[in-house]
Protein backbone atom coordinates (compact mmCIF):
# COMPACT_ATOMS: atom_id res chain seq x y z
CA UNK A 1 0.00 0.00 0.00
CA UNK A 2 1.25 3.49 -0.87
CA UNK A 3 0.67 6.64 1.15
CA UNK A 4 -1.53 7.98 -1.65
CA UNK A 5 -3.83 4.96 -1.68
CA UNK A 6 -4.04 4.98 2.12
CA UNK A 7 -5.08 8.64 2.10
CA UNK A 8 -7.68 7.92 -0.57
CA UNK A 9 -9.21 4.97 1.29
CA UNK A 10 -9.45 6.85 4.58
CA UNK A 11 -10.85 9.98 2.93
CA UNK A 12 -13.51 7.82 1.33
CA UNK A 13 -14.50 6.41 4.70
CA UNK A 14 -14.50 9.78 6.42
CA UNK A 15 -16.74 11.24 3.72
CA UNK A 16 -19.51 8.89 4.76
CA UNK A 17 -21.69 10.10 7.61
CA UNK A 18 -21.44 8.37 10.98
CA UNK A 19 -18.23 6.57 10.00
CA UNK A 20 -15.59 6.31 12.70
CA UNK A 21 -12.20 4.70 12.23
CA UNK A 22 -11.48 2.73 15.39
CA UNK A 23 -9.08 0.12 13.98
CA UNK A 24 -6.18 0.90 11.64
CA UNK A 25 -3.79 -1.67 10.21
CA UNK A 26 -0.86 -0.66 8.01
CA UNK A 27 1.06 -3.57 6.51
CA UNK A 28 3.96 -3.85 4.03
CA UNK A 29 3.60 -0.15 3.30
CA UNK A 30 7.08 1.35 3.51
CA UNK A 31 5.51 4.58 4.74
CA UNK A 32 8.63 5.29 6.84
CA UNK A 33 7.22 8.56 8.11
CA UNK A 34 4.05 9.16 10.10
CA UNK A 35 3.44 12.32 8.09
CA UNK A 36 2.46 9.95 5.28
CA UNK A 37 -0.58 8.96 7.33
CA UNK A 38 -3.73 11.05 6.97
CA UNK A 39 -4.71 13.53 9.67
CA UNK A 40 -7.88 13.19 11.69
CA UNK A 41 -7.14 9.73 13.07
CA UNK A 42 -7.52 10.73 16.70
CA UNK A 43 -10.46 8.31 17.00
CA UNK A 44 -8.31 5.24 16.31
CA UNK A 45 -8.26 2.92 19.33
CA UNK A 46 -6.40 -0.06 17.86
CA UNK A 47 -3.28 0.39 15.70
CA UNK A 48 -1.34 -2.35 13.91
CA UNK A 49 1.93 -1.65 12.07
CA UNK A 50 3.42 -4.64 10.27
CA UNK A 51 6.63 -4.30 8.25
CA UNK A 52 6.23 -0.57 7.63
CA UNK A 53 9.75 0.72 8.14
CA UNK A 54 8.55 3.26 10.73
CA UNK A 55 10.93 3.49 13.68
CA UNK A 56 10.04 4.21 17.32
CA UNK A 57 11.20 7.82 17.26
CA UNK A 58 9.21 8.61 14.14
CA UNK A 59 6.17 6.81 15.52
CA UNK A 60 6.32 8.85 18.70
CA UNK A 61 5.88 12.06 16.70
CA UNK A 62 2.31 11.07 15.92
CA UNK A 63 0.82 11.77 19.34
CA UNK A 64 -2.55 12.41 17.68
CA UNK A 65 -2.90 8.68 17.02
CA UNK A 66 -1.03 7.26 20.01
CA UNK A 67 -2.60 9.03 22.97
CA UNK A 68 -6.04 7.42 22.68
CA UNK A 69 -4.93 3.90 21.79
CA UNK A 70 -6.22 0.90 23.69
CA UNK A 71 -4.00 -1.53 21.79
CA UNK A 72 -0.76 -1.13 19.85
CA UNK A 73 0.70 -3.98 17.81
CA UNK A 74 4.05 -3.78 16.04
CA UNK A 75 5.17 -6.76 13.96
CA UNK A 76 8.21 -7.43 11.78
CA UNK A 77 9.82 -4.05 12.34
CA UNK A 78 13.52 -3.49 13.05
CA UNK A 79 14.10 -1.91 16.46
CA UNK A 80 16.95 -2.27 18.94
CA UNK A 81 15.42 -0.68 22.03
CA UNK A 82 12.34 1.10 23.36
CA UNK A 83 13.06 4.84 23.67
CA UNK A 84 12.75 6.53 27.05
CA UNK A 85 9.30 8.00 27.71
CA UNK A 86 7.91 6.47 24.51
CA UNK A 87 4.60 5.65 26.22
CA UNK A 88 4.15 9.00 27.91
CA UNK A 89 0.52 10.07 27.75
CA UNK A 90 -0.73 6.66 26.59
CA UNK A 91 -2.85 6.13 29.69
CA UNK A 92 -5.56 4.15 27.88
CA UNK A 93 -3.25 1.42 26.53
CA UNK A 94 -4.27 -2.01 27.82
CA UNK A 95 -2.64 -4.28 25.21
CA UNK A 96 0.87 -4.00 23.73
CA UNK A 97 2.44 -6.39 21.22
CA UNK A 98 6.04 -6.00 20.05
CA UNK A 99 6.49 -9.26 18.16
CA UNK A 100 9.39 -10.16 15.87
CA UNK A 101 10.95 -6.71 15.98
CA UNK A 102 14.50 -7.72 16.90
CA UNK A 103 14.75 -6.36 20.45
CA UNK A 104 17.51 -8.02 22.49
CA UNK A 105 17.21 -5.99 25.70
CA UNK A 106 14.62 -3.79 27.42
CA UNK A 107 15.59 -1.08 29.88
CA UNK A 108 14.13 -1.08 33.38
CA UNK A 109 12.07 2.05 32.74
CA UNK A 110 10.92 1.10 29.22
CA UNK A 111 7.27 0.75 30.23
CA UNK A 112 6.97 3.94 32.25
CA UNK A 113 3.47 5.47 32.12
CA UNK A 114 1.79 2.09 31.55
CA UNK A 115 1.78 1.00 35.19
CA UNK A 116 -1.91 1.64 35.73
CA UNK A 117 -3.33 0.46 32.42
CA UNK A 118 -1.45 -2.38 30.69
CA UNK A 119 -2.97 -5.85 31.08
CA UNK A 120 -1.47 -7.72 28.14
CA UNK A 121 2.16 -7.62 26.95
CA UNK A 122 3.46 -9.74 24.08
CA UNK A 123 7.16 -9.79 23.18
CA UNK A 124 7.15 -12.96 21.10
CA UNK A 125 9.93 -13.84 18.67
CA UNK A 126 12.60 -11.37 19.78
CA UNK A 127 16.18 -11.93 21.01
CA UNK A 128 15.62 -11.60 24.75
CA UNK A 129 17.77 -13.78 27.02
CA UNK A 130 16.02 -13.01 30.30
CA UNK A 131 12.62 -11.84 31.49
CA UNK A 132 12.73 -8.02 31.30
CA UNK A 133 12.75 -6.58 34.82
CA UNK A 134 10.70 -3.72 33.38
CA UNK A 135 7.55 -5.82 33.48
CA UNK A 136 7.64 -5.90 37.28
CA UNK A 137 6.32 -2.33 37.29
CA UNK A 138 3.20 -3.36 35.35
CA UNK A 139 1.13 -4.45 38.32
CA UNK A 140 -2.09 -5.07 36.38
CA UNK A 141 -0.59 -7.49 33.86
CA UNK A 142 -2.66 -10.61 33.27
CA UNK A 143 -0.87 -12.01 30.21
CA UNK A 144 2.84 -11.91 29.28
CA UNK A 145 4.05 -13.63 26.12
CA UNK A 146 7.80 -14.28 25.88
CA UNK A 147 7.64 -17.31 23.60
CA UNK A 148 10.30 -17.87 20.94
CA UNK A 149 12.94 -15.85 22.76
CA UNK A 150 16.20 -17.27 24.15
CA UNK A 151 15.09 -17.39 27.79
CA UNK A 152 16.19 -20.73 29.27
CA UNK A 153 16.30 -20.00 33.01
CA UNK A 154 14.91 -17.52 35.54
CA UNK A 155 17.08 -16.21 38.40
CA UNK A 156 15.64 -16.46 41.92
CA UNK A 157 16.04 -12.75 42.62
CA UNK A 158 14.08 -11.91 39.47
CA UNK A 159 11.35 -14.35 40.45
CA UNK A 160 10.95 -12.55 43.77
CA UNK A 161 10.46 -9.19 42.05
CA UNK A 162 7.92 -10.66 39.67
CA UNK A 163 5.97 -12.46 42.38
CA UNK A 164 5.81 -9.42 44.63
CA UNK A 165 4.44 -7.17 41.90
CA UNK A 166 2.52 -9.24 39.33
CA UNK A 167 -0.40 -10.20 41.52
CA UNK A 168 -2.87 -10.43 38.62
CA UNK A 169 -0.74 -12.57 36.29
CA UNK A 170 -2.63 -15.55 34.87
CA UNK A 171 -0.52 -16.56 31.89
CA UNK A 172 3.22 -16.38 31.22
CA UNK A 173 4.09 -17.86 27.83
CA UNK A 174 7.64 -19.20 27.62
CA UNK A 175 8.70 -22.18 25.50
CA UNK A 176 12.49 -22.34 25.66
CA UNK A 177 12.89 -23.36 29.31
CA UNK A 178 15.51 -25.90 30.40
CA UNK A 179 13.62 -28.25 32.73
CA UNK A 180 16.54 -30.51 33.66
CA UNK A 181 16.47 -32.33 36.99
CA UNK A 182 16.53 -29.79 39.83
CA UNK A 183 14.50 -27.19 37.96
CA UNK A 184 11.39 -28.36 39.80
CA UNK A 185 12.93 -27.15 43.09
CA UNK A 186 13.57 -23.58 41.95
CA UNK A 187 11.69 -20.61 43.37
CA UNK A 188 10.40 -19.84 39.89
CA UNK A 189 8.64 -23.19 39.59
CA UNK A 190 7.24 -22.85 43.11
CA UNK A 191 5.75 -19.49 42.15
CA UNK A 192 4.31 -20.78 38.86
CA UNK A 193 2.70 -23.81 40.49
CA UNK A 194 1.41 -22.13 43.65
CA UNK A 195 -0.32 -19.39 41.64
CA UNK A 196 -1.49 -21.72 38.82
CA UNK A 197 0.18 -19.54 36.18
CA UNK A 198 -0.20 -21.22 32.80
CA UNK A 199 1.97 -21.03 29.69
CA UNK A 200 5.50 -21.94 30.83
CA UNK A 201 6.61 -24.99 28.83
CA UNK A 202 9.76 -27.07 28.78
CA UNK A 203 12.05 -27.08 25.76
CA UNK A 204 14.56 -29.58 27.07
CA UNK A 205 15.34 -32.33 28.00
CA UNK A 206 13.60 -34.05 25.11
CA UNK A 207 11.33 -36.22 27.26
CA UNK A 208 9.79 -33.08 28.78
CA UNK A 209 9.44 -31.13 25.54
CA UNK A 210 6.30 -28.94 25.50
CA UNK A 211 5.26 -30.10 29.00
CA UNK A 212 3.33 -27.51 30.98
CA UNK A 213 5.43 -26.68 34.07
CA UNK A 214 2.46 -25.76 36.26
CA UNK A 215 0.86 -29.23 36.04
CA UNK A 216 3.72 -31.65 35.34
CA UNK A 217 4.33 -33.92 38.37
CA UNK A 218 7.55 -32.95 40.12
CA UNK A 219 8.93 -36.48 39.96
CA UNK A 220 8.82 -36.37 36.15
CA UNK A 221 11.53 -33.72 36.01
CA UNK A 222 14.15 -36.22 37.14
CA UNK A 223 12.68 -39.41 35.71
CA UNK A 224 12.51 -39.80 31.96
CA UNK A 225 10.71 -43.10 32.43
CA UNK A 226 7.81 -41.74 34.45
CA UNK A 227 7.31 -38.85 32.03
CA UNK A 228 6.73 -41.28 29.18
CA UNK A 229 4.79 -43.98 31.04
CA UNK A 230 1.30 -43.14 29.86
CA UNK A 231 2.02 -43.80 26.17
CA UNK A 232 3.77 -47.23 26.43
CA UNK A 233 1.32 -48.45 29.11
CA UNK A 234 -1.62 -47.77 26.84
CA UNK A 235 0.12 -49.47 23.92
CA UNK A 236 0.82 -52.63 25.97
CA UNK A 237 -2.75 -52.70 27.28
CA UNK A 238 -4.12 -52.37 23.74
CA UNK A 239 -1.93 -55.23 22.54
CA UNK A 240 -3.05 -57.53 25.36
CA UNK A 241 -6.70 -56.65 24.78
CA UNK A 242 -6.35 -57.39 21.07
CA UNK A 243 -4.84 -60.81 21.77
CA UNK A 244 -7.61 -61.69 24.24
CA UNK A 245 -10.34 -60.66 21.82
CA UNK A 246 -8.68 -62.63 19.04
CA UNK A 247 -8.68 -65.79 21.15
CA UNK A 248 -12.35 -65.33 22.03
CA UNK A 249 -13.38 -65.25 18.38
CA UNK A 250 -11.15 -68.13 17.18
Foldseek 3Di string as FASTA:
>chain_A
DELVVQVVVVVVQVVDPPGAAAEEEDEPYLHQACVSHDPPNLNHAYYEYYNRNHDLVRVLVPCSNQLRYQEYAYYQAADAEQDACSNPNNQNHAEYHDEHHAYAAYDLRRPPNPQPHYAYYEHYQYAYQADHLNCLSNQNHAYYHHENYNHADYDQVSLVSNLVRNPNHAEYAYQDYELAPPNCVHPNLVSCQVVVYWHHAYCDDPLRHRPISNPDDNVCNHDSCVSPPVVVVVVVVVVVVVVVVVVVVD
